[in-house]
Amino acid sequence: MYEITIMLLAVAAFISAVRLFLGPTLSDRVISIDAISSIVVAAIVLISMVFSNRMLIDIAIVYAMLSFVGTLAISKYIMGKKMSEA
């Protein structure tokens, strides 16, 4: 079951990476980076389950919080840039 989940996460990461490189707008790229971050969090939790290591769950939570703050910062930057152009 873990192998199937790992393969599905890899496929999802690949699709998000394609959108990251081909995305026509900056917003598409930001969303794909956020999706990749969510996939990485899911992968860390999965690895934690495989190895029965609870410390990795804490690492996944911290990574998710940092990813969220980073996404907010990038979004705020984009909105400020669009407001100055108008």
C-alpha atoms as a PDB file:
ATOM      1  CA  MET A   1       0.000   0.000   0.000  1.00  0.00           C
ATOM      2  CA  TYR A   2       2.861   2.377   0.766  1.00  0.00           C
ATOM      3  CA  GLU A   3       4.389   1.783  -2.654  1.00  0.00           C
ATOM      4  CA  ILE A   4       1.169   2.781  -4.413  1.00  0.00           C
ATOM      5  CA  THR A   5       0.896   5.919  -2.302  1.00  0.00           C
ATOM      6  CA  ILE A   6       4.495   6.855  -3.027  1.00  0.00           C
ATOM      7  CA  MET A   7       3.904   6.398  -6.762  1.00  0.00           C
ATOM      8  CA  LEU A   8       0.764   8.560  -6.638  1.00  0.00           C
ATOM      9  CA  LEU A   9       2.622  11.283  -4.752  1.00  0.00           C
ATOM     10  CA  ALA A  10       5.423  11.136  -7.330  1.00  0.00           C
ATOM     11  CA  VAL A  11       2.933  11.496 -10.181  1.00  0.00           C
ATOM     12  CA  ALA A  12       1.248  14.432  -8.429  1.00  0.00           C
ATOM     13  CA  ALA A  13       4.633  16.093  -7.859  1.00  0.00           C
ATOM     14  CA  PHE A  14       5.550  15.599 -11.517  1.00  0.00           C
ATOM     15  CA  ILE A  15       2.288  17.149 -12.699  1.00  0.00           C
ATOM     16  CA  SER A  16       2.793  20.099 -10.360  1.00  0.00           C
ATOM     17  CA  ALA A  17       6.376  20.502 -11.567  1.00  0.00           C
ATOM     18  CA  VAL A  18       5.163  20.615 -15.171  1.00  0.00           C
ATOM     19  CA  ARG A  19       2.728  23.381 -14.216  1.00  0.00           C
ATOM     20  CA  LEU A  20       5.565  25.161 -12.407  1.00  0.00           C
ATOM     21  CA  PHE A  21       7.708  25.288 -15.540  1.00  0.00           C
ATOM     22  CA  LEU A  22       4.962  25.762 -18.135  1.00  0.00           C
ATOM     23  CA  GLY A  23       2.542  27.926 -16.160  1.00  0.00           C
ATOM     24  CA  PRO A  24       1.656  30.975 -18.206  1.00  0.00           C
ATOM     25  CA  THR A  25       1.119  33.224 -15.175  1.00  0.00           C
ATOM     26  CA  LEU A  26       2.948  33.854 -11.953  1.00  0.00           C
ATOM     27  CA  SER A  27      -0.143  32.794 -10.009  1.00  0.00           C
ATOM     28  CA  ASP A  28      -0.031  29.349 -11.645  1.00  0.00           C
ATOM     29  CA  ARG A  29       3.562  28.960 -10.565  1.00  0.00           C
ATOM     30  CA  VAL A  30       2.829  29.999  -6.977  1.00  0.00           C
ATOM     31  CA  ILE A  31      -0.050  27.533  -6.757  1.00  0.00           C
ATOM     32  CA  SER A  32       2.123  24.739  -8.137  1.00  0.00           C
ATOM     33  CA  ILE A  33       4.850  25.480  -5.593  1.00  0.00           C
ATOM     34  CA  ASP A  34       2.218  25.342  -2.856  1.00  0.00           C
ATOM     35  CA  ALA A  35       0.934  22.035  -4.216  1.00  0.00           C
ATOM     36  CA  ILE A  36       4.461  20.598  -4.293  1.00  0.00           C
ATOM     37  CA  SER A  37       4.939  21.707  -0.694  1.00  0.00           C
ATOM     38  CA  SER A  38       1.744  19.913   0.301  1.00  0.00           C
ATOM     39  CA  ILE A  39       2.936  16.793  -1.500  1.00  0.00           C
ATOM     40  CA  VAL A  40       6.248  16.970   0.358  1.00  0.00           C
ATOM     41  CA  VAL A  41       4.376  17.210   3.677  1.00  0.00           C
ATOM     42  CA  ALA A  42       2.327  14.149   2.736  1.00  0.00           C
ATOM     43  CA  ALA A  43       5.520  12.301   1.784  1.00  0.00           C
ATOM     44  CA  ILE A  44       7.153  13.151   5.107  1.00  0.00           C
ATOM     45  CA  VAL A  45       4.105  11.864   6.973  1.00  0.00           C
ATOM     46  CA  LEU A  46       4.158   8.700   4.872  1.00  0.00           C
ATOM     47  CA  ILE A  47       7.848   8.157   5.618  1.00  0.00           C
ATOM     48  CA  SER A  48       7.047   8.695   9.278  1.00  0.00           C
ATOM     49  CA  MET A  49       4.450   5.944   9.113  1.00  0.00           C
ATOM     50  CA  VAL A  50       6.777   3.559   7.289  1.00  0.00           C
ATOM     51  CA  PHE A  51       9.614   3.974   9.782  1.00  0.00           C
ATOM     52  CA  SER A  52       7.391   4.481  12.868  1.00  0.00           C
ATOM     53  CA  ASN A  53       9.196   7.716  13.676  1.00  0.00           C
ATOM     54  CA  ARG A  54       6.965  10.306  15.349  1.00  0.00           C
ATOM     55  CA  MET A  55       9.590  13.027  15.172  1.00  0.00           C
ATOM     56  CA  LEU A  56       9.045  13.284  11.416  1.00  0.00           C
ATOM     57  CA  ILE A  57       5.427  14.319  12.034  1.00  0.00           C
ATOM     58  CA  ASP A  58       6.722  17.374  13.922  1.00  0.00           C
ATOM     59  CA  ILE A  59       9.044  18.154  11.033  1.00  0.00           C
ATOM     60  CA  ALA A  60       6.117  17.869   8.600  1.00  0.00           C
ATOM     61  CA  ILE A  61       4.040  20.273  10.700  1.00  0.00           C
ATOM     62  CA  VAL A  62       6.841  22.846  10.836  1.00  0.00           C
ATOM     63  CA  TYR A  63       7.452  22.474   7.095  1.00  0.00           C
ATOM     64  CA  ALA A  64       3.732  22.982   6.406  1.00  0.00           C
ATOM     65  CA  MET A  65       3.643  26.131   8.528  1.00  0.00           C
ATOM     66  CA  LEU A  66       6.724  27.571   6.837  1.00  0.00           C
ATOM     67  CA  SER A  67       5.286  26.726   3.432  1.00  0.00           C
ATOM     68  CA  PHE A  68       2.043  28.485   4.322  1.00  0.00           C
ATOM     69  CA  VAL A  69       3.866  31.610   5.497  1.00  0.00           C
ATOM     70  CA  GLY A  70       5.992  31.581   2.353  1.00  0.00           C
ATOM     71  CA  THR A  71       2.934  31.307   0.139  1.00  0.00           C
ATOM     72  CA  LEU A  72       1.317  34.212   1.981  1.00  0.00           C
ATOM     73  CA  ALA A  73       4.432  36.330   1.550  1.00  0.00           C
ATOM     74  CA  ILE A  74       4.649  35.611  -2.171  1.00  0.00           C
ATOM     75  CA  SER A  75       0.923  36.303  -2.608  1.00  0.00           C
ATOM     76  CA  LYS A  76       1.215  39.595  -0.747  1.00  0.00           C
ATOM     77  CA  TYR A  77       4.173  40.550  -2.947  1.00  0.00           C
ATOM     78  CA  ILE A  78       2.209  39.720  -6.100  1.00  0.00           C
ATOM     79  CA  MET A  79      -0.797  41.726  -4.902  1.00  0.00           C
ATOM     80  CA  GLY A  80       1.410  44.717  -4.078  1.00  0.00           C
ATOM     81  CA  LYS A  81       2.986  44.500  -7.506  1.00  0.00           C
ATOM     82  CA  LYS A  82      -0.424  44.417  -9.214  1.00  0.00           C
ATOM     83  CA  MET A  83      -1.718  47.323  -7.130  1.00  0.00           C
ATOM     84  CA  SER A  84       1.239  49.499  -8.122  1.00  0.00           C
ATOM     85  CA  GLU A  85       0.706  48.691 -11.824  1.00  0.00           C
ATOM     86  CA  ALA A  86      -2.959  49.774 -11.782  1.00  0.00           C
END
